[in-house]
């Protein structure tokens, strides 16, 4: 079992994945965003390749804990 984390930006998606023992994580790829379909297709490929069972998506917040502009854009509606 592995956990994959995503750092979603407007131009790139940073991806890291844990080891099988969930002890460490390593950056594995940065996806250059082109279209939602291509982004999701590449994510699906990586999820299958690394046998990922959980995804964690970073939620950028302001220093006072409120959601910032980037957090609003990161949320799925």
Protein backbone atom coordinates (compact mmCIF):
# COMPACT_ATOMS: atom_id res chain seq x y z
CA UNK A 1 0.00 0.00 0.00
CA UNK A 2 1.30 3.45 -0.90
CA UNK A 3 0.09 7.00 -0.45
CA UNK A 4 0.51 9.58 -3.20
CA UNK A 5 0.45 13.30 -2.51
CA UNK A 6 -0.36 16.03 -5.00
CA UNK A 7 0.67 19.68 -4.93
CA UNK A 8 -1.73 21.18 -7.46
CA UNK A 9 -0.76 24.45 -9.09
CA UNK A 10 -2.05 26.37 -12.07
CA UNK A 11 0.83 25.25 -14.32
CA UNK A 12 2.17 22.08 -12.70
CA UNK A 13 1.20 19.23 -10.38
CA UNK A 14 3.96 18.05 -8.06
CA UNK A 15 3.70 14.37 -7.18
CA UNK A 16 5.31 12.44 -4.34
CA UNK A 17 4.77 8.84 -3.29
CA UNK A 18 5.43 6.94 -0.09
CA UNK A 19 7.40 3.74 0.16
CA UNK A 20 5.47 0.51 0.74
CA UNK A 21 6.03 0.72 4.52
CA UNK A 22 4.69 4.31 4.67
CA UNK A 23 7.93 5.46 6.29
CA UNK A 24 9.26 7.91 3.70
CA UNK A 25 8.11 9.76 0.60
CA UNK A 26 9.98 10.81 -2.50
CA UNK A 27 9.13 13.25 -5.24
CA UNK A 28 8.47 11.23 -8.38
CA UNK A 29 7.29 13.62 -11.07
CA UNK A 30 6.11 17.09 -11.94
CA UNK A 31 3.29 17.11 -14.46
CA UNK A 32 3.22 20.14 -16.73
CA UNK A 33 -0.49 20.91 -16.96
CA UNK A 34 -1.98 20.89 -20.45
CA UNK A 35 -5.59 19.74 -20.16
CA UNK A 36 -7.70 18.19 -17.43
CA UNK A 37 -8.04 14.97 -19.42
CA UNK A 38 -4.28 14.59 -19.99
CA UNK A 39 -3.54 15.50 -16.36
CA UNK A 40 -5.96 12.83 -15.07
CA UNK A 41 -4.69 10.24 -17.55
CA UNK A 42 -1.11 10.72 -16.34
CA UNK A 43 -2.25 10.55 -12.71
CA UNK A 44 -4.06 7.28 -13.44
CA UNK A 45 -0.90 5.86 -14.99
CA UNK A 46 1.18 6.80 -11.95
CA UNK A 47 -1.43 5.47 -9.52
CA UNK A 48 -1.37 2.10 -11.29
CA UNK A 49 2.43 2.04 -11.62
CA UNK A 50 3.03 2.76 -7.91
CA UNK A 51 0.03 0.72 -6.67
CA UNK A 52 -1.39 3.70 -4.80
CA UNK A 53 -4.31 3.19 -2.40
CA UNK A 54 -4.71 6.73 -1.06
CA UNK A 55 -4.33 10.24 -2.44
CA UNK A 56 -3.58 13.35 -0.41
CA UNK A 57 -4.07 16.74 -2.04
CA UNK A 58 -2.33 19.74 -0.50
CA UNK A 59 -4.65 22.60 0.46
CA UNK A 60 -2.80 25.92 0.55
CA UNK A 61 -3.93 28.17 3.38
CA UNK A 62 -3.17 31.67 4.54
CA UNK A 63 -1.06 32.24 7.65
CA UNK A 64 -4.26 32.72 9.70
CA UNK A 65 -5.64 29.34 8.59
CA UNK A 66 -8.22 30.62 6.11
CA UNK A 67 -8.40 29.42 2.53
CA UNK A 68 -6.46 31.52 0.08
CA UNK A 69 -7.06 32.13 -3.61
CA UNK A 70 -5.00 29.07 -4.61
CA UNK A 71 -7.02 26.87 -2.20
CA UNK A 72 -10.26 27.98 -3.84
CA UNK A 73 -8.89 26.99 -7.25
CA UNK A 74 -7.62 23.65 -5.93
CA UNK A 75 -11.02 22.47 -4.66
CA UNK A 76 -13.04 20.15 -6.87
CA UNK A 77 -16.56 21.37 -7.44
